Amino acid sequence: MIVRELDINHDWTFGRGKANYLTGSAAIRQCIKTKLFSLKNNWFLNKDDGIAWFNYLEKNPDTIQLEREIKTAILSVEGVNEIIHFTILLDSITRIFLVQVTYNDKYNNLNEVEYYVDSH
């Protein structure tokens, strides 16, 4: 797998030739982060792709369904073998989530991804 590297603002990087691309575990990690950043119904070519984050930022969200949705998205990324550890930390007052995932990829590397979600 080869993907164009994203910068800290999640924009494509340019100007370094082949150094602007990621392969192996780094490419898989970026694809997972991109899945987590994707909003359901946001891409006209595939309205089912992404996660319906705003549905879970309401009062008393269904965290079991959210966990299912996130795990399904992560496991759909090419190269992800299994999820080793998964945690959702929820502040019910501010409605902010922190999702922490540890997974094993096809290169037998253990990797971690964190994703912070708020309603702002």
PDB file of N, CA and C in Angstrom:
ATOM      1  N   MET A   1       0.847  -1.171   0.000  1.00  0.00           N
ATOM      2  CA  MET A   1       0.000   0.000   0.000  1.00  0.00           C
ATOM      3  C   MET A   1       0.897   1.241   0.000  1.00  0.00           C
ATOM      4  N   ILE A   2       0.537   2.186  -0.834  1.00  0.00           N
ATOM      5  CA  ILE A   2       1.240   3.459  -0.903  1.00  0.00           C
ATOM      6  C   ILE A   2       0.195   4.567  -0.834  1.00  0.00           C
ATOM      7  N   VAL A   3       0.383   5.515   0.065  1.00  0.00           N
ATOM      8  CA  VAL A   3      -0.534   6.651   0.192  1.00  0.00           C
ATOM      9  C   VAL A   3       0.272   7.933   0.305  1.00  0.00           C
ATOM     10  N   ARG A   4      -0.327   9.017  -0.170  1.00  0.00           N
ATOM     11  CA  ARG A   4       0.334  10.316  -0.035  1.00  0.00           C
ATOM     12  C   ARG A   4       0.264  10.745   1.415  1.00  0.00           C
ATOM     13  N   GLU A   5       1.392  11.191   1.947  1.00  0.00           N
ATOM     14  CA  GLU A   5       1.466  11.624   3.340  1.00  0.00           C
ATOM     15  C   GLU A   5       0.643  12.890   3.555  1.00  0.00           C
ATOM     16  N   LEU A   6       0.000  12.964   4.713  1.00  0.00           N
ATOM     17  CA  LEU A   6      -0.749  14.155   5.090  1.00  0.00           C
ATOM     18  C   LEU A   6       0.046  14.951   6.113  1.00  0.00           C
ATOM     19  N   ASP A   7      -0.122  16.277   6.078  1.00  0.00           N
ATOM     20  CA  ASP A   7       0.557  17.122   7.066  1.00  0.00           C
ATOM     21  C   ASP A   7      -0.297  17.235   8.331  1.00  0.00           C
ATOM     22  N   ILE A   8       0.098  18.075   9.259  1.00  0.00           N
ATOM     23  CA  ILE A   8      -0.632  18.186  10.527  1.00  0.00           C
ATOM     24  C   ILE A   8      -2.037  18.761  10.352  1.00  0.00           C
ATOM     25  N   ASN A   9      -2.287  19.419   9.215  1.00  0.00           N
ATOM     26  CA  ASN A   9      -3.623  19.948   8.920  1.00  0.00           C
ATOM     27  C   ASN A   9      -4.439  18.980   8.073  1.00  0.00           C
ATOM     28  N   HIS A  10      -3.910  17.785   7.843  1.00  0.00           N
ATOM     29  CA  HIS A  10      -4.565  16.721   7.068  1.00  0.00           C
ATOM     30  C   HIS A  10      -4.650  17.046   5.586  1.00  0.00           C
ATOM     31  N   ASP A  11      -3.724  17.852   5.097  1.00  0.00           N
ATOM     32  CA  ASP A  11      -3.623  18.167   3.671  1.00  0.00           C
ATOM     33  C   ASP A  11      -2.497  17.346   3.060  1.00  0.00           C
ATOM     34  N   TRP A  12      -2.618  17.047   1.782  1.00  0.00           N
ATOM     35  CA  TRP A  12      -1.560  16.313   1.089  1.00  0.00           C
ATOM     36  C   TRP A  12      -0.259  17.102   1.135  1.00  0.00           C
ATOM     37  N   THR A  13       0.852  16.387   1.197  1.00  0.00           N
ATOM     38  CA  THR A  13       2.164  17.025   1.150  1.00  0.00           C
ATOM     39  C   THR A  13       2.732  16.933  -0.265  1.00  0.00           C
ATOM     40  N   PHE A  14       3.500  17.925  -0.648  1.00  0.00           N
ATOM     41  CA  PHE A  14       4.108  17.981  -1.982  1.00  0.00           C
ATOM     42  C   PHE A  14       5.533  18.509  -1.856  1.00  0.00           C
ATOM     43  N   GLY A  15       6.319  18.337  -2.916  1.00  0.00           N
ATOM     44  CA  GLY A  15       7.615  18.976  -3.003  1.00  0.00           C
ATOM     45  C   GLY A  15       8.805  18.123  -2.625  1.00  0.00           C
ATOM     46  N   ARG A  16       8.567  16.877  -2.195  1.00  0.00           N
ATOM     47  CA  ARG A  16       9.685  16.024  -1.810  1.00  0.00           C
ATOM     48  C   ARG A  16       9.707  14.722  -2.620  1.00  0.00           C
ATOM     49  N   GLY A  17       9.016  14.703  -3.737  1.00  0.00           N
ATOM     50  CA  GLY A  17       9.003  13.522  -4.592  1.00  0.00           C
ATOM     51  C   GLY A  17       8.453  12.307  -3.883  1.00  0.00           C
ATOM     52  N   LYS A  18       9.181  11.197  -3.950  1.00  0.00           N
ATOM     53  CA  LYS A  18       8.737   9.947  -3.332  1.00  0.00           C
ATOM     54  C   LYS A  18       8.693  10.029  -1.813  1.00  0.00           C
ATOM     55  N   ALA A  19       9.378  11.002  -1.239  1.00  0.00           N
ATOM     56  CA  ALA A  19       9.348  11.173   0.218  1.00  0.00           C
ATOM     57  C   ALA A  19       7.990  11.665   0.706  1.00  0.00           C
ATOM     58  N   ASN A  20       7.112  12.091  -0.213  1.00  0.00           N
ATOM     59  CA  ASN A  20       5.767  12.519   0.145  1.00  0.00           C
ATOM     60  C   ASN A  20       4.791  11.352   0.252  1.00  0.00           C
ATOM     61  N   TYR A  21       5.287  10.126   0.133  1.00  0.00           N
ATOM     62  CA  TYR A  21       4.424   8.953   0.185  1.00  0.00           C
ATOM     63  C   TYR A  21       4.798   8.070   1.366  1.00  0.00           C
ATOM     64  N   LEU A  22       3.800   7.390   1.897  1.00  0.00           N
ATOM     65  CA  LEU A  22       4.005   6.455   2.992  1.00  0.00           C
ATOM     66  C   LEU A  22       3.737   5.039   2.502  1.00  0.00           C
ATOM     67  N   THR A  23       4.469   4.095   3.060  1.00  0.00           N
ATOM     68  CA  THR A  23       4.259   2.683   2.753  1.00  0.00           C
ATOM     69  C   THR A  23       4.246   1.908   4.066  1.00  0.00           C
ATOM     70  N   GLY A  24       3.933   0.632   3.985  1.00  0.00           N
ATOM     71  CA  GLY A  24       3.993  -0.249   5.140  1.00  0.00           C
ATOM     72  C   GLY A  24       3.071   0.175   6.270  1.00  0.00           C
ATOM     73  N   SER A  25       3.550   0.001   7.495  1.00  0.00           N
ATOM     74  CA  SER A  25       2.752   0.296   8.689  1.00  0.00           C
ATOM     75  C   SER A  25       2.347   1.766   8.779  1.00  0.00           C
ATOM     76  N   ALA A  26       3.213   2.661   8.311  1.00  0.00           N
ATOM     77  CA  ALA A  26       2.884   4.095   8.349  1.00  0.00           C
ATOM     78  C   ALA A  26       1.693   4.408   7.447  1.00  0.00           C
ATOM     79  N   ALA A  27       1.615   3.755   6.288  1.00  0.00           N
ATOM     80  CA  ALA A  27       0.488   3.962   5.375  1.00  0.00           C
ATOM     81  C   ALA A  27      -0.806   3.436   5.986  1.00  0.00           C
ATOM     82  N   ILE A  28      -0.733   2.282   6.619  1.00  0.00           N
ATOM     83  CA  ILE A  28      -1.915   1.705   7.264  1.00  0.00           C
ATOM     84  C   ILE A  28      -2.398   2.615   8.390  1.00  0.00           C
ATOM     85  N   ARG A  29      -1.475   3.110   9.184  1.00  0.00           N
ATOM     86  CA  ARG A  29      -1.825   4.006  10.292  1.00  0.00           C
ATOM     87  C   ARG A  29      -2.522   5.267   9.777  1.00  0.00           C
ATOM     88  N   GLN A  30      -1.993   5.840   8.702  1.00  0.00           N
ATOM     89  CA  GLN A  30      -2.624   7.036   8.149  1.00  0.00           C
ATOM     90  C   GLN A  30      -4.013   6.722   7.599  1.00  0.00           C
ATOM     91  N   CYS A  31      -4.192   5.573   6.987  1.00  0.00           N
ATOM     92  CA  CYS A  31      -5.513   5.183   6.466  1.00  0.00           C
ATOM     93  C   CYS A  31      -6.526   5.024   7.598  1.00  0.00           C
ATOM     94  N   ILE A  32      -6.077   4.502   8.737  1.00  0.00           N
ATOM     95  CA  ILE A  32      -6.974   4.387   9.892  1.00  0.00           C
ATOM     96  C   ILE A  32      -7.370   5.770  10.380  1.00  0.00           C
ATOM     97  N   LYS A  33      -6.400   6.663  10.512  1.00  0.00           N
ATOM     98  CA  LYS A  33      -6.715   8.021  10.949  1.00  0.00           C
ATOM     99  C   LYS A  33      -7.685   8.694   9.976  1.00  0.00           C
ATOM    100  N   THR A  34      -7.480   8.488   8.692  1.00  0.00           N
ATOM    101  CA  THR A  34      -8.370   9.069   7.688  1.00  0.00           C
ATOM    102  C   THR A  34      -9.788   8.516   7.843  1.00  0.00           C
ATOM    103  N   LYS A  35      -9.909   7.221   8.114  1.00  0.00           N
ATOM    104  CA  LYS A  35     -11.229   6.619   8.361  1.00  0.00           C
ATOM    105  C   LYS A  35     -11.897   7.272   9.558  1.00  0.00           C
ATOM    106  N   LEU A  36     -11.137   7.501  10.612  1.00  0.00           N
ATOM    107  CA  LEU A  36     -11.707   8.103  11.808  1.00  0.00           C
ATOM    108  C   LEU A  36     -12.100   9.566  11.584  1.00  0.00           C
ATOM    109  N   PHE A  37     -11.389  10.261  10.713  1.00  0.00           N
ATOM    110  CA  PHE A  37     -11.731  11.651  10.392  1.00  0.00           C
ATOM    111  C   PHE A  37     -12.938  11.761   9.462  1.00  0.00           C
ATOM    112  N   SER A  38     -13.281  10.689   8.794  1.00  0.00           N
ATOM    113  CA  SER A  38     -14.349  10.731   7.786  1.00  0.00           C
ATOM    114  C   SER A  38     -15.728  10.763   8.439  1.00  0.00           C
ATOM    115  N   LEU A  39     -16.563  11.648   7.941  1.00  0.00           N
ATOM    116  CA  LEU A  39     -17.942  11.756   8.411  1.00  0.00           C
ATOM    117  C   LEU A  39     -18.866  11.010   7.462  1.00  0.00           C
ATOM    118  N   LYS A  40     -19.775  10.235   8.023  1.00  0.00           N
ATOM    119  CA  LYS A  40     -20.759   9.526   7.218  1.00  0.00           C
ATOM    120  C   LYS A  40     -21.593  10.537   6.429  1.00  0.00           C
ATOM    121  N   ASN A  41     -21.935  10.204   5.203  1.00  0.00           N
ATOM    122  CA  ASN A  41     -22.716  11.040   4.280  1.00  0.00           C
ATOM    123  C   ASN A  41     -21.961  12.264   3.788  1.00  0.00           C
ATOM    124  N   ASN A  42     -20.652  12.310   3.993  1.00  0.00           N
ATOM    125  CA  ASN A  42     -19.886  13.484   3.604  1.00  0.00           C
ATOM    126  C   ASN A  42     -19.251  13.356   2.225  1.00  0.00           C
ATOM    127  N   TRP A  43     -19.059  12.147   1.742  1.00  0.00           N
ATOM    128  CA  TRP A  43     -18.411  11.949   0.442  1.00  0.00           C
ATOM    129  C   TRP A  43     -19.451  11.456  -0.544  1.00  0.00           C
ATOM    130  N   PHE A  44     -19.722  12.212  -1.589  1.00  0.00           N
ATOM    131  CA  PHE A  44     -20.814  11.908  -2.505  1.00  0.00           C
ATOM    132  C   PHE A  44     -20.645  10.593  -3.253  1.00  0.00           C
ATOM    133  N   LEU A  45     -19.422  10.091  -3.376  1.00  0.00           N
ATOM    134  CA  LEU A  45     -19.212   8.816  -4.068  1.00  0.00           C
ATOM    135  C   LEU A  45     -19.461   7.608  -3.171  1.00  0.00           C
ATOM    136  N   ASN A  46     -19.471   7.797  -1.864  1.00  0.00           N
ATOM    137  CA  ASN A  46     -19.753   6.700  -0.950  1.00  0.00           C
ATOM    138  C   ASN A  46     -20.315   7.279   0.345  1.00  0.00           C
ATOM    139  N   LYS A  47     -21.619   7.449   0.388  1.00  0.00           N
ATOM    140  CA  LYS A  47     -22.259   8.067   1.543  1.00  0.00           C
ATOM    141  C   LYS A  47     -22.220   7.185   2.791  1.00  0.00           C
ATOM    142  N   ASP A  48     -21.920   5.887   2.619  1.00  0.00           N
ATOM    143  CA  ASP A  48     -21.861   4.983   3.767  1.00  0.00           C
ATOM    144  C   ASP A  48     -20.493   4.970   4.435  1.00  0.00           C
ATOM    145  N   ASP A  49     -19.493   5.537   3.776  1.00  0.00           N
ATOM    146  CA  ASP A  49     -18.143   5.556   4.349  1.00  0.00           C
ATOM    147  C   ASP A  49     -18.080   6.578   5.468  1.00  0.00           C
ATOM    148  N   GLY A  50     -17.277   6.314   6.469  1.00  0.00           N
ATOM    149  CA  GLY A  50     -17.100   7.246   7.572  1.00  0.00           C
ATOM    150  C   GLY A  50     -17.919   6.864   8.785  1.00  0.00           C
ATOM    151  N   ILE A  51     -17.880   7.714   9.783  1.00  0.00           N
ATOM    152  CA  ILE A  51     -18.553   7.472  11.059  1.00  0.00           C
ATOM    153  C   ILE A  51     -19.511   8.630  11.321  1.00  0.00           C
ATOM    154  N   ALA A  52     -20.684   8.319  11.832  1.00  0.00           N
ATOM    155  CA  ALA A  52     -21.713   9.334  12.109  1.00  0.00           C
ATOM    156  C   ALA A  52     -21.432   9.979  13.474  1.00  0.00           C
ATOM    157  N   TRP A  53     -20.309  10.697  13.557  1.00  0.00           N
ATOM    158  CA  TRP A  53     -19.867  11.262  14.836  1.00  0.00           C
ATOM    159  C   TRP A  53     -20.926  12.119  15.509  1.00  0.00           C
ATOM    160  N   PHE A  54     -21.632  12.940  14.746  1.00  0.00           N
ATOM    161  CA  PHE A  54     -22.579  13.873  15.356  1.00  0.00           C
ATOM    162  C   PHE A  54     -23.739  13.148  16.035  1.00  0.00           C
ATOM    163  N   ASN A  55     -24.057  11.933  15.585  1.00  0.00           N
ATOM    164  CA  ASN A  55     -25.100  11.144  16.245  1.00  0.00           C
ATOM    165  C   ASN A  55     -24.688  10.736  17.653  1.00  0.00           C
ATOM    166  N   TYR A  56     -23.390  10.655  17.890  1.00  0.00           N
ATOM    167  CA  TYR A  56     -22.894  10.206  19.189  1.00  0.00           C
ATOM    168  C   TYR A  56     -22.524  11.358  20.116  1.00  0.00           C
ATOM    169  N   LEU A  57     -22.583  12.567  19.630  1.00  0.00           N
ATOM    170  CA  LEU A  57     -22.257  13.717  20.466  1.00  0.00           C
ATOM    171  C   LEU A  57     -23.489  14.272  21.179  1.00  0.00           C
ATOM    172  N   GLU A  58     -24.593  13.560  21.069  1.00  0.00           N
ATOM    173  CA  GLU A  58     -25.799  13.970  21.781  1.00  0.00           C
ATOM    174  C   GLU A  58     -25.761  13.424  23.206  1.00  0.00           C
ATOM    175  N   LYS A  59     -26.734  13.807  23.996  1.00  0.00           N
ATOM    176  CA  LYS A  59     -26.768  13.357  25.388  1.00  0.00           C
ATOM    177  C   LYS A  59     -27.054  11.852  25.438  1.00  0.00           C
ATOM    178  N   ASN A  60     -26.352  11.146  26.316  1.00  0.00           N
ATOM    179  CA  ASN A  60     -26.480   9.696  26.496  1.00  0.00           C
ATOM    180  C   ASN A  60     -26.306   8.918  25.190  1.00  0.00           C
ATOM    181  N   PRO A  61     -25.144   9.031  24.559  1.00  0.00           N
ATOM    182  CA  PRO A  61     -24.926   8.339  23.283  1.00  0.00           C
ATOM    183  C   PRO A  61     -24.840   6.821  23.463  1.00  0.00           C
ATOM    184  N   ASP A  62     -25.123   6.096  22.411  1.00  0.00           N
ATOM    185  CA  ASP A  62     -25.021   4.646  22.393  1.00  0.00           C
ATOM    186  C   ASP A  62     -23.560   4.278  22.137  1.00  0.00           C
ATOM    187  N   THR A  63     -22.782   4.193  23.204  1.00  0.00           N
ATOM    188  CA  THR A  63     -21.350   3.942  23.049  1.00  0.00           C
ATOM    189  C   THR A  63     -21.061   2.531  22.542  1.00  0.00           C
ATOM    190  N   ILE A  64     -21.963   1.602  22.770  1.00  0.00           N
ATOM    191  CA  ILE A  64     -21.774   0.242  22.248  1.00  0.00           C
ATOM    192  C   ILE A  64     -21.855   0.262  20.721  1.00  0.00           C
ATOM    193  N   GLN A  65     -22.832   0.983  20.185  1.00  0.00           N
ATOM    194  CA  GLN A  65     -22.947   1.108  18.729  1.00  0.00           C
ATOM    195  C   GLN A  65     -21.773   1.902  18.155  1.00  0.00           C
ATOM    196  N   LEU A  66     -21.344   2.940  18.860  1.00  0.00           N
ATOM    197  CA  LEU A  66     -20.191   3.723  18.422  1.00  0.00           C
ATOM    198  C   LEU A  66     -18.954   2.837  18.352  1.00  0.00           C
ATOM    199  N   GLU A  67     -18.730   2.030  19.374  1.00  0.00           N
ATOM    200  CA  GLU A  67     -17.585   1.124  19.367  1.00  0.00           C
ATOM    201  C   GLU A  67     -17.649   0.172  18.174  1.00  0.00           C
ATOM    202  N   ARG A  68     -18.836  -0.386  17.918  1.00  0.00           N
ATOM    203  CA  ARG A  68     -19.014  -1.277  16.764  1.00  0.00           C
ATOM    204  C   ARG A  68     -18.672  -0.567  15.457  1.00  0.00           C
ATOM    205  N   GLU A  69     -19.166   0.650  15.319  1.00  0.00           N
ATOM    206  CA  GLU A  69     -18.953   1.412  14.090  1.00  0.00           C
ATOM    207  C   GLU A  69     -17.468   1.738  13.884  1.00  0.00           C
ATOM    208  N   ILE A  70     -16.789   2.143  14.945  1.00  0.00           N
ATOM    209  CA  ILE A  70     -15.366   2.468  14.837  1.00  0.00           C
ATOM    210  C   ILE A  70     -14.555   1.216  14.521  1.00  0.00           C
ATOM    211  N   LYS A  71     -14.828   0.134  15.225  1.00  0.00           N
ATOM    212  CA  LYS A  71     -14.086  -1.108  14.982  1.00  0.00           C
ATOM    213  C   LYS A  71     -14.296  -1.606  13.553  1.00  0.00           C
ATOM    214  N   THR A  72     -15.523  -1.521  13.055  1.00  0.00           N
ATOM    215  CA  THR A  72     -15.802  -1.933  11.677  1.00  0.00           C
ATOM    216  C   THR A  72     -15.009  -1.084  10.696  1.00  0.00           C
ATOM    217  N   ALA A  73     -14.949   0.224  10.941  1.00  0.00           N
ATOM    218  CA  ALA A  73     -14.194   1.123  10.065  1.00  0.00           C
ATOM    219  C   ALA A  73     -12.704   0.778  10.080  1.00  0.00           C
ATOM    220  N   ILE A  74     -12.155   0.542  11.257  1.00  0.00           N
ATOM    221  CA  ILE A  74     -10.724   0.228  11.369  1.00  0.00           C
ATOM    222  C   ILE A  74     -10.408  -1.108  10.710  1.00  0.00           C
ATOM    223  N   LEU A  75     -11.236  -2.107  10.971  1.00  0.00           N
ATOM    224  CA  LEU A  75     -10.980  -3.431  10.403  1.00  0.00           C
ATOM    225  C   LEU A  75     -11.186  -3.471   8.888  1.00  0.00           C
ATOM    226  N   SER A  76     -11.850  -2.464   8.330  1.00  0.00           N
ATOM    227  CA  SER A  76     -12.030  -2.402   6.874  1.00  0.00           C
ATOM    228  C   SER A  76     -10.796  -1.860   6.156  1.00  0.00           C
ATOM    229  N   VAL A  77      -9.851  -1.319   6.919  1.00  0.00           N
ATOM    230  CA  VAL A  77      -8.628  -0.776   6.325  1.00  0.00           C
ATOM    231  C   VAL A  77      -7.720  -1.936   5.916  1.00  0.00           C
ATOM    232  N   GLU A  78      -7.296  -1.907   4.678  1.00  0.00           N
ATOM    233  CA  GLU A  78      -6.402  -2.944   4.163  1.00  0.00           C
ATOM    234  C   GLU A  78      -5.131  -3.002   4.999  1.00  0.00           C
ATOM    235  N   GLY A  79      -4.778  -4.195   5.459  1.00  0.00           N
ATOM    236  CA  GLY A  79      -3.553  -4.376   6.219  1.00  0.00           C
ATOM    237  C   GLY A  79      -3.741  -4.477   7.718  1.00  0.00           C
ATOM    238  N   VAL A  80      -4.937  -4.193   8.224  1.00  0.00           N
ATOM    239  CA  VAL A  80      -5.199  -4.331   9.655  1.00  0.00           C
ATOM    240  C   VAL A  80      -5.578  -5.781   9.929  1.00  0.00           C
ATOM    241  N   ASN A  81      -4.814  -6.445  10.797  1.00  0.00           N
ATOM    242  CA  ASN A  81      -5.108  -7.837  11.132  1.00  0.00           C
ATOM    243  C   ASN A  81      -6.119  -7.962  12.259  1.00  0.00           C
ATOM    244  N   GLU A  82      -5.886  -7.211  13.340  1.00  0.00           N
ATOM    245  CA  GLU A  82      -6.788  -7.322  14.485  1.00  0.00           C
ATOM    246  C   GLU A  82      -6.636  -6.102  15.384  1.00  0.00           C
ATOM    247  N   ILE A  83      -7.686  -5.844  16.141  1.00  0.00           N
ATOM    248  CA  ILE A  83      -7.656  -4.795  17.153  1.00  0.00           C
ATOM    249  C   ILE A  83      -7.294  -5.473  18.468  1.00  0.00           C
ATOM    250  N   ILE A  84      -6.230  -5.016  19.081  1.00  0.00           N
ATOM    251  CA  ILE A  84      -5.734  -5.600  20.326  1.00  0.00           C
ATOM    252  C   ILE A  84      -6.393  -4.947  21.538  1.00  0.00           C
ATOM    253  N   HIS A  85      -6.497  -3.624  21.507  1.00  0.00           N
ATOM    254  CA  HIS A  85      -7.049  -2.866  22.632  1.00  0.00           C
ATOM    255  C   HIS A  85      -7.873  -1.710  22.077  1.00  0.00           C
ATOM    256  N   PHE A  86      -9.016  -1.457  22.709  1.00  0.00           N
ATOM    257  CA  PHE A  86      -9.902  -0.398  22.252  1.00  0.00           C
ATOM    258  C   PHE A  86     -10.516   0.272  23.474  1.00  0.00           C
ATOM    259  N   THR A  87     -10.444   1.603  23.518  1.00  0.00           N
ATOM    260  CA  THR A  87     -11.017   2.360  24.626  1.00  0.00           C
ATOM    261  C   THR A  87     -11.696   3.609  24.092  1.00  0.00           C
ATOM    262  N   ILE A  88     -12.876   3.890  24.638  1.00  0.00           N
ATOM    263  CA  ILE A  88     -13.542   5.169  24.395  1.00  0.00           C
ATOM    264  C   ILE A  88     -13.674   5.854  25.749  1.00  0.00           C
ATOM    265  N   LEU A  89     -13.065   7.010  25.876  1.00  0.00           N
ATOM    266  CA  LEU A  89     -13.220   7.817  27.080  1.00  0.00           C
ATOM    267  C   LEU A  89     -14.207   8.923  26.753  1.00  0.00           C
ATOM    268  N   LEU A  90     -15.276   9.017  27.518  1.00  0.00           N
ATOM    269  CA  LEU A  90     -16.340   9.961  27.237  1.00  0.00           C
ATOM    270  C   LEU A  90     -16.538  10.888  28.419  1.00  0.00           C
ATOM    271  N   ASP A  91     -16.508  12.182  28.141  1.00  0.00           N
ATOM    272  CA  ASP A  91     -16.886  13.174  29.134  1.00  0.00           C
ATOM    273  C   ASP A  91     -18.330  13.547  28.822  1.00  0.00           C
ATOM    274  N   SER A  92     -19.265  13.046  29.611  1.00  0.00           N
ATOM    275  CA  SER A  92     -20.688  13.227  29.310  1.00  0.00           C
ATOM    276  C   SER A  92     -21.165  14.667  29.477  1.00  0.00           C
ATOM    277  N   ILE A  93     -20.425  15.469  30.211  1.00  0.00           N
ATOM    278  CA  ILE A  93     -20.817  16.872  30.392  1.00  0.00           C
ATOM    279  C   ILE A  93     -20.428  17.694  29.162  1.00  0.00           C
ATOM    280  N   THR A  94     -19.187  17.567  28.730  1.00  0.00           N
ATOM    281  CA  THR A  94     -18.728  18.340  27.575  1.00  0.00           C
ATOM    282  C   THR A  94     -18.991  17.616  26.250  1.00  0.00           C
ATOM    283  N   ARG A  95     -19.378  16.335  26.345  1.00  0.00           N
ATOM    284  CA  ARG A  95     -19.639  15.494  25.160  1.00  0.00           C
ATOM    285  C   ARG A  95     -18.411  15.399  24.264  1.00  0.00           C
ATOM    286  N   ILE A  96     -17.299  15.101  24.885  1.00  0.00           N
ATOM    287  CA  ILE A  96     -16.034  14.933  24.173  1.00  0.00           C
ATOM    288  C   ILE A  96     -15.597  13.478  24.313  1.00  0.00           C
ATOM    289  N   PHE A  97     -15.154  12.895  23.190  1.00  0.00           N
ATOM    290  CA  PHE A  97     -14.654  11.527  23.173  1.00  0.00           C
ATOM    291  C   PHE A  97     -13.161  11.528  22.938  1.00  0.00           C
ATOM    292  N   LEU A  98     -12.500  10.538  23.525  1.00  0.00           N
ATOM    293  CA  LEU A  98     -11.137  10.196  23.155  1.00  0.00           C
ATOM    294  C   LEU A  98     -11.172   8.715  22.821  1.00  0.00           C
ATOM    295  N   VAL A  99     -10.834   8.391  21.586  1.00  0.00           N
ATOM    296  CA  VAL A  99     -10.807   7.004  21.144  1.00  0.00           C
ATOM    297  C   VAL A  99      -9.348   6.581  21.065  1.00  0.00           C
ATOM    298  N   GLN A 100      -9.021   5.484  21.728  1.00  0.00           N
ATOM    299  CA  GLN A 100      -7.666   4.949  21.718  1.00  0.00           C
ATOM    300  C   GLN A 100      -7.725   3.514  21.195  1.00  0.00           C
ATOM    301  N   VAL A 101      -6.896   3.234  20.195  1.00  0.00           N
ATOM    302  CA  VAL A 101      -6.911   1.919  19.553  1.00  0.00           C
ATOM    303  C   VAL A 101      -5.481   1.406  19.424  1.00  0.00           C
ATOM    304  N   THR A 102      -5.297   0.160  19.789  1.00  0.00           N
ATOM    305  CA  THR A 102      -4.048  -0.546  19.533  1.00  0.00           C
ATOM    306  C   THR A 102      -4.394  -1.697  18.601  1.00  0.00           C
ATOM    307  N   TYR A 103      -3.644  -1.822  17.521  1.00  0.00           N
ATOM    308  CA  TYR A 103      -3.947  -2.853  16.521  1.00  0.00           C
ATOM    309  C   TYR A 103      -2.654  -3.483  16.010  1.00  0.00           C
ATOM    310  N   ASN A 104      -2.817  -4.638  15.410  1.00  0.00           N
ATOM    311  CA  ASN A 104      -1.716  -5.362  14.797  1.00  0.00           C
ATOM    312  C   ASN A 104      -1.924  -5.304  13.285  1.00  0.00           C
ATOM    313  N   ASP A 105      -0.862  -5.001  12.538  1.00  0.00           N
ATOM    314  CA  ASP A 105      -1.019  -4.926  11.083  1.00  0.00           C
ATOM    315  C   ASP A 105      -0.385  -6.130  10.390  1.00  0.00           C
ATOM    316  N   LYS A 106      -0.510  -6.166   9.079  1.00  0.00           N
ATOM    317  CA  LYS A 106      -0.019  -7.315   8.322  1.00  0.00           C
ATOM    318  C   LYS A 106       1.501  -7.450   8.347  1.00  0.00           C
ATOM    319  N   TYR A 107       2.194  -6.446   8.828  1.00  0.00           N
ATOM    320  CA  TYR A 107       3.647  -6.498   8.981  1.00  0.00           C
ATOM    321  C   TYR A 107       4.036  -6.950  10.386  1.00  0.00           C
ATOM    322  N   ASN A 108       3.042  -7.415  11.151  1.00  0.00           N
ATOM    323  CA  ASN A 108       3.217  -7.857  12.537  1.00  0.00           C
ATOM    324  C   ASN A 108       3.743  -6.752  13.441  1.00  0.00           C
ATOM    325  N   ASN A 109       3.370  -5.523  13.137  1.00  0.00           N
ATOM    326  CA  ASN A 109       3.719  -4.380  13.980  1.00  0.00           C
ATOM    327  C   ASN A 109       2.522  -4.001  14.838  1.00  0.00           C
ATOM    328  N   LEU A 110       2.775  -3.729  16.100  1.00  0.00           N
ATOM    329  CA  LEU A 110       1.761  -3.243  17.010  1.00  0.00           C
ATOM    330  C   LEU A 110       1.762  -1.719  16.929  1.00  0.00           C
ATOM    331  N   ASN A 111       0.607  -1.129  16.651  1.00  0.00           N
ATOM    332  CA  ASN A 111       0.507   0.313  16.454  1.00  0.00           C
ATOM    333  C   ASN A 111      -0.609   0.883  17.306  1.00  0.00           C
ATOM    334  N   GLU A 112      -0.531   2.175  17.579  1.00  0.00           N
ATOM    335  CA  GLU A 112      -1.564   2.866  18.340  1.00  0.00           C
ATOM    336  C   GLU A 112      -2.045   4.083  17.572  1.00  0.00           C
ATOM    337  N   VAL A 113      -3.348   4.348  17.716  1.00  0.00           N
ATOM    338  CA  VAL A 113      -3.954   5.534  17.125  1.00  0.00           C
ATOM    339  C   VAL A 113      -4.877   6.131  18.166  1.00  0.00           C
ATOM    340  N   GLU A 114      -4.838   7.443  18.298  1.00  0.00           N
ATOM    341  CA  GLU A 114      -5.775   8.162  19.159  1.00  0.00           C
ATOM    342  C   GLU A 114      -6.557   9.158  18.307  1.00  0.00           C
ATOM    343  N   TYR A 115      -7.814   9.310  18.647  1.00  0.00           N
ATOM    344  CA  TYR A 115      -8.654  10.258  17.923  1.00  0.00           C
ATOM    345  C   TYR A 115      -9.517  10.993  18.937  1.00  0.00           C
ATOM    346  N   TYR A 116      -9.478  12.314  18.875  1.00  0.00           N
ATOM    347  CA  TYR A 116     -10.185  13.184  19.790  1.00  0.00           C
ATOM    348  C   TYR A 116     -11.378  13.783  19.044  1.00  0.00           C
ATOM    349  N   VAL A 117     -12.572  13.656  19.613  1.00  0.00           N
ATOM    350  CA  VAL A 117     -13.796  14.134  18.963  1.00  0.00           C
ATOM    351  C   VAL A 117     -14.538  15.074  19.898  1.00  0.00           C
ATOM    352  N   ASP A 118     -14.901  16.242  19.390  1.00  0.00           N
ATOM    353  CA  ASP A 118     -15.785  17.120  20.146  1.00  0.00           C
ATOM    354  C   ASP A 118     -16.779  17.756  19.188  1.00  0.00           C
ATOM    355  N   SER A 119     -17.726  18.461  19.734  1.00  0.00           N
ATOM    356  CA  SER A 119     -18.823  19.007  18.924  1.00  0.00           C
ATOM    357  C   SER A 119     -18.501  20.366  18.317  1.00  0.00           C
ATOM    358  N   HIS A 120     -17.282  20.849  18.466  1.00  0.00           N
ATOM    359  CA  HIS A 120     -16.927  22.183  17.959  1.00  0.00           C
ATOM    360  C   HIS A 120     -16.353  22.100  16.572  1.00  0.00           C
TER     361      HIS A 120
END
